[in-house]
Amino acid sequence: MVKHLENSADFTKEIEKGFILVDFYTEWCGPCKMLAPVLEEIDYIDVLKIDADKFMDLAQKFGIMSVPTLCFFKDGELKERVIGYKNADEIKELYQKISGN
């Protein structure tokens, strides 16, 4: 399921339980637009999309310098971070590496 962050105060609540894939993106980013349909197809991990222009506080907190940046969280802890477009197979491979599934 893909969800868009509505309020930066909700961020911690959104990532605190289970595996969550956070997609830092911007509306003007070409690779981000290419990644969006890939994320919509993922059914094995919840996806939280965060507009880095809108939520600059979170982008700064996580040192986001390039978009898209994908951050894999488990129970609120950042486990992996990758920059740039990734296809569905690459994302699944990263998830399996992190989760052990």
C-alpha atoms as a PDB file:
ATOM      1  CA  MET A   1       0.000   0.000   0.000  1.00  0.00           C
ATOM      2  CA  VAL A   2       1.294   3.457  -0.928  1.00  0.00           C
ATOM      3  CA  LYS A   3       0.552   6.316   1.419  1.00  0.00           C
ATOM      4  CA  HIS A   4       1.539   9.987   1.174  1.00  0.00           C
ATOM      5  CA  LEU A   5       2.752  11.710   4.325  1.00  0.00           C
ATOM      6  CA  GLU A   6       0.309  14.466   5.271  1.00  0.00           C
ATOM      7  CA  ASN A   7       2.062  15.910   8.303  1.00  0.00           C
ATOM      8  CA  SER A   8       5.685  15.620   9.431  1.00  0.00           C
ATOM      9  CA  ALA A   9       4.465  15.076  13.009  1.00  0.00           C
ATOM     10  CA  ASP A  10       2.987  11.739  11.813  1.00  0.00           C
ATOM     11  CA  PHE A  11       6.289  10.438  10.437  1.00  0.00           C
ATOM     12  CA  THR A  12       7.426   8.558  13.538  1.00  0.00           C
ATOM     13  CA  LYS A  13       4.025   6.910  13.941  1.00  0.00           C
ATOM     14  CA  GLU A  14       4.095   5.794  10.286  1.00  0.00           C
ATOM     15  CA  ILE A  15       7.473   4.027  10.531  1.00  0.00           C
ATOM     16  CA  GLU A  16       7.421   2.692  14.092  1.00  0.00           C
ATOM     17  CA  LYS A  17       6.091  -0.832  13.385  1.00  0.00           C
ATOM     18  CA  GLY A  18       7.136  -3.378  10.790  1.00  0.00           C
ATOM     19  CA  PHE A  19       8.935  -2.801   7.506  1.00  0.00           C
ATOM     20  CA  ILE A  20       8.252   0.496   5.757  1.00  0.00           C
ATOM     21  CA  LEU A  21       9.812   1.753   2.532  1.00  0.00           C
ATOM     22  CA  VAL A  22      10.060   5.544   2.562  1.00  0.00           C
ATOM     23  CA  ASP A  23      10.340   7.235  -0.829  1.00  0.00           C
ATOM     24  CA  PHE A  24      11.737  10.770  -0.671  1.00  0.00           C
ATOM     25  CA  TYR A  25      10.719  12.357  -3.972  1.00  0.00           C
ATOM     26  CA  THR A  26       9.836  15.679  -5.610  1.00  0.00           C
ATOM     27  CA  GLU A  27       7.148  16.532  -8.121  1.00  0.00           C
ATOM     28  CA  TRP A  28       9.670  17.836 -10.684  1.00  0.00           C
ATOM     29  CA  CYS A  29      11.997  14.793 -10.596  1.00  0.00           C
ATOM     30  CA  GLY A  30      11.957  12.608 -13.737  1.00  0.00           C
ATOM     31  CA  PRO A  31      13.324   9.435 -12.090  1.00  0.00           C
ATOM     32  CA  CYS A  32      10.812   9.938  -9.238  1.00  0.00           C
ATOM     33  CA  LYS A  33       7.982   9.937 -11.778  1.00  0.00           C
ATOM     34  CA  MET A  34       9.364   6.726 -13.303  1.00  0.00           C
ATOM     35  CA  LEU A  35       9.580   5.126  -9.851  1.00  0.00           C
ATOM     36  CA  ALA A  36       5.996   5.972  -8.806  1.00  0.00           C
ATOM     37  CA  PRO A  37       4.246   3.177 -10.792  1.00  0.00           C
ATOM     38  CA  VAL A  38       6.867   0.657  -9.621  1.00  0.00           C
ATOM     39  CA  LEU A  39       6.058   1.496  -5.996  1.00  0.00           C
ATOM     40  CA  GLU A  40       2.320   1.203  -6.681  1.00  0.00           C
ATOM     41  CA  GLU A  41       2.846  -2.443  -7.731  1.00  0.00           C
ATOM     42  CA  ILE A  42       4.724  -3.463  -4.580  1.00  0.00           C
ATOM     43  CA  ASP A  43       2.540  -5.562  -2.298  1.00  0.00           C
ATOM     44  CA  TYR A  44       5.058  -7.039   0.168  1.00  0.00           C
ATOM     45  CA  ILE A  45       5.998  -3.812   1.988  1.00  0.00           C
ATOM     46  CA  ASP A  46       4.128  -0.606   2.828  1.00  0.00           C
ATOM     47  CA  VAL A  47       5.392   2.499   1.064  1.00  0.00           C
ATOM     48  CA  LEU A  48       5.365   5.988   2.545  1.00  0.00           C
ATOM     49  CA  LYS A  49       5.967   8.765   0.008  1.00  0.00           C
ATOM     50  CA  ILE A  50       7.460  12.008   1.312  1.00  0.00           C
ATOM     51  CA  ASP A  51       7.744  15.096  -0.881  1.00  0.00           C
ATOM     52  CA  ALA A  52      11.233  16.394  -0.042  1.00  0.00           C
ATOM     53  CA  ASP A  53      10.272  19.928  -1.102  1.00  0.00           C
ATOM     54  CA  LYS A  54       7.212  19.957   1.147  1.00  0.00           C
ATOM     55  CA  PHE A  55       8.844  18.243   4.135  1.00  0.00           C
ATOM     56  CA  MET A  56      12.286  19.837   4.127  1.00  0.00           C
ATOM     57  CA  ASP A  57      12.641  19.143   7.866  1.00  0.00           C
ATOM     58  CA  LEU A  58      12.540  15.380   7.260  1.00  0.00           C
ATOM     59  CA  ALA A  59      14.716  15.622   4.149  1.00  0.00           C
ATOM     60  CA  GLN A  60      17.313  17.504   6.180  1.00  0.00           C
ATOM     61  CA  LYS A  61      17.034  15.104   9.130  1.00  0.00           C
ATOM     62  CA  PHE A  62      17.853  12.157   6.859  1.00  0.00           C
ATOM     63  CA  GLY A  63      20.445  14.016   4.762  1.00  0.00           C
ATOM     64  CA  ILE A  64      18.494  13.731   1.520  1.00  0.00           C
ATOM     65  CA  MET A  65      20.654  15.343  -1.160  1.00  0.00           C
ATOM     66  CA  SER A  66      19.273  13.552  -4.226  1.00  0.00           C
ATOM     67  CA  VAL A  67      15.884  12.211  -5.188  1.00  0.00           C
ATOM     68  CA  PRO A  68      14.550   9.662  -5.379  1.00  0.00           C
ATOM     69  CA  THR A  69      16.028   8.276  -2.167  1.00  0.00           C
ATOM     70  CA  LEU A  70      14.551   5.065  -0.817  1.00  0.00           C
ATOM     71  CA  CYS A  71      14.916   4.380   2.903  1.00  0.00           C
ATOM     72  CA  PHE A  72      14.014   1.007   4.371  1.00  0.00           C
ATOM     73  CA  PHE A  73      12.883   1.148   8.000  1.00  0.00           C
ATOM     74  CA  LYS A  74      12.221  -1.736  10.382  1.00  0.00           C
ATOM     75  CA  ASP A  75      10.391  -0.892  13.595  1.00  0.00           C
ATOM     76  CA  GLY A  76      11.426   2.750  13.306  1.00  0.00           C
ATOM     77  CA  GLU A  77      15.109   2.090  12.635  1.00  0.00           C
ATOM     78  CA  LEU A  78      16.732   2.972   9.309  1.00  0.00           C
ATOM     79  CA  LYS A  79      18.177  -0.239   7.871  1.00  0.00           C
ATOM     80  CA  GLU A  80      19.156   0.691   4.308  1.00  0.00           C
ATOM     81  CA  ARG A  81      19.199   3.711   2.041  1.00  0.00           C
ATOM     82  CA  VAL A  82      19.613   3.811  -1.732  1.00  0.00           C
ATOM     83  CA  ILE A  83      19.620   6.723  -4.125  1.00  0.00           C
ATOM     84  CA  GLY A  84      18.180   6.818  -7.633  1.00  0.00           C
ATOM     85  CA  TYR A  85      15.658   4.884  -9.667  1.00  0.00           C
ATOM     86  CA  LYS A  86      15.357   1.190  -8.842  1.00  0.00           C
ATOM     87  CA  ASN A  87      13.204  -1.287 -10.716  1.00  0.00           C
ATOM     88  CA  ALA A  88      10.830  -3.716  -8.986  1.00  0.00           C
ATOM     89  CA  ASP A  89      13.372  -6.555  -8.931  1.00  0.00           C
ATOM     90  CA  GLU A  90      16.071  -4.365  -7.379  1.00  0.00           C
ATOM     91  CA  ILE A  91      13.682  -3.142  -4.687  1.00  0.00           C
ATOM     92  CA  LYS A  92      12.559  -6.688  -3.901  1.00  0.00           C
ATOM     93  CA  GLU A  93      16.178  -7.852  -3.692  1.00  0.00           C
ATOM     94  CA  LEU A  94      16.991  -5.042  -1.238  1.00  0.00           C
ATOM     95  CA  TYR A  95      13.927  -5.857   0.856  1.00  0.00           C
ATOM     96  CA  GLN A  96      14.814  -9.550   0.968  1.00  0.00           C
ATOM     97  CA  LYS A  97      18.395  -8.729   1.999  1.00  0.00           C
ATOM     98  CA  ILE A  98      17.210  -6.486   4.834  1.00  0.00           C
ATOM     99  CA  SER A  99      14.278  -8.595   6.042  1.00  0.00           C
ATOM    100  CA  GLY A 100      15.836 -12.011   5.582  1.00  0.00           C
ATOM    101  CA  ASN A 101      12.758 -13.130   3.602  1.00  0.00           C
END
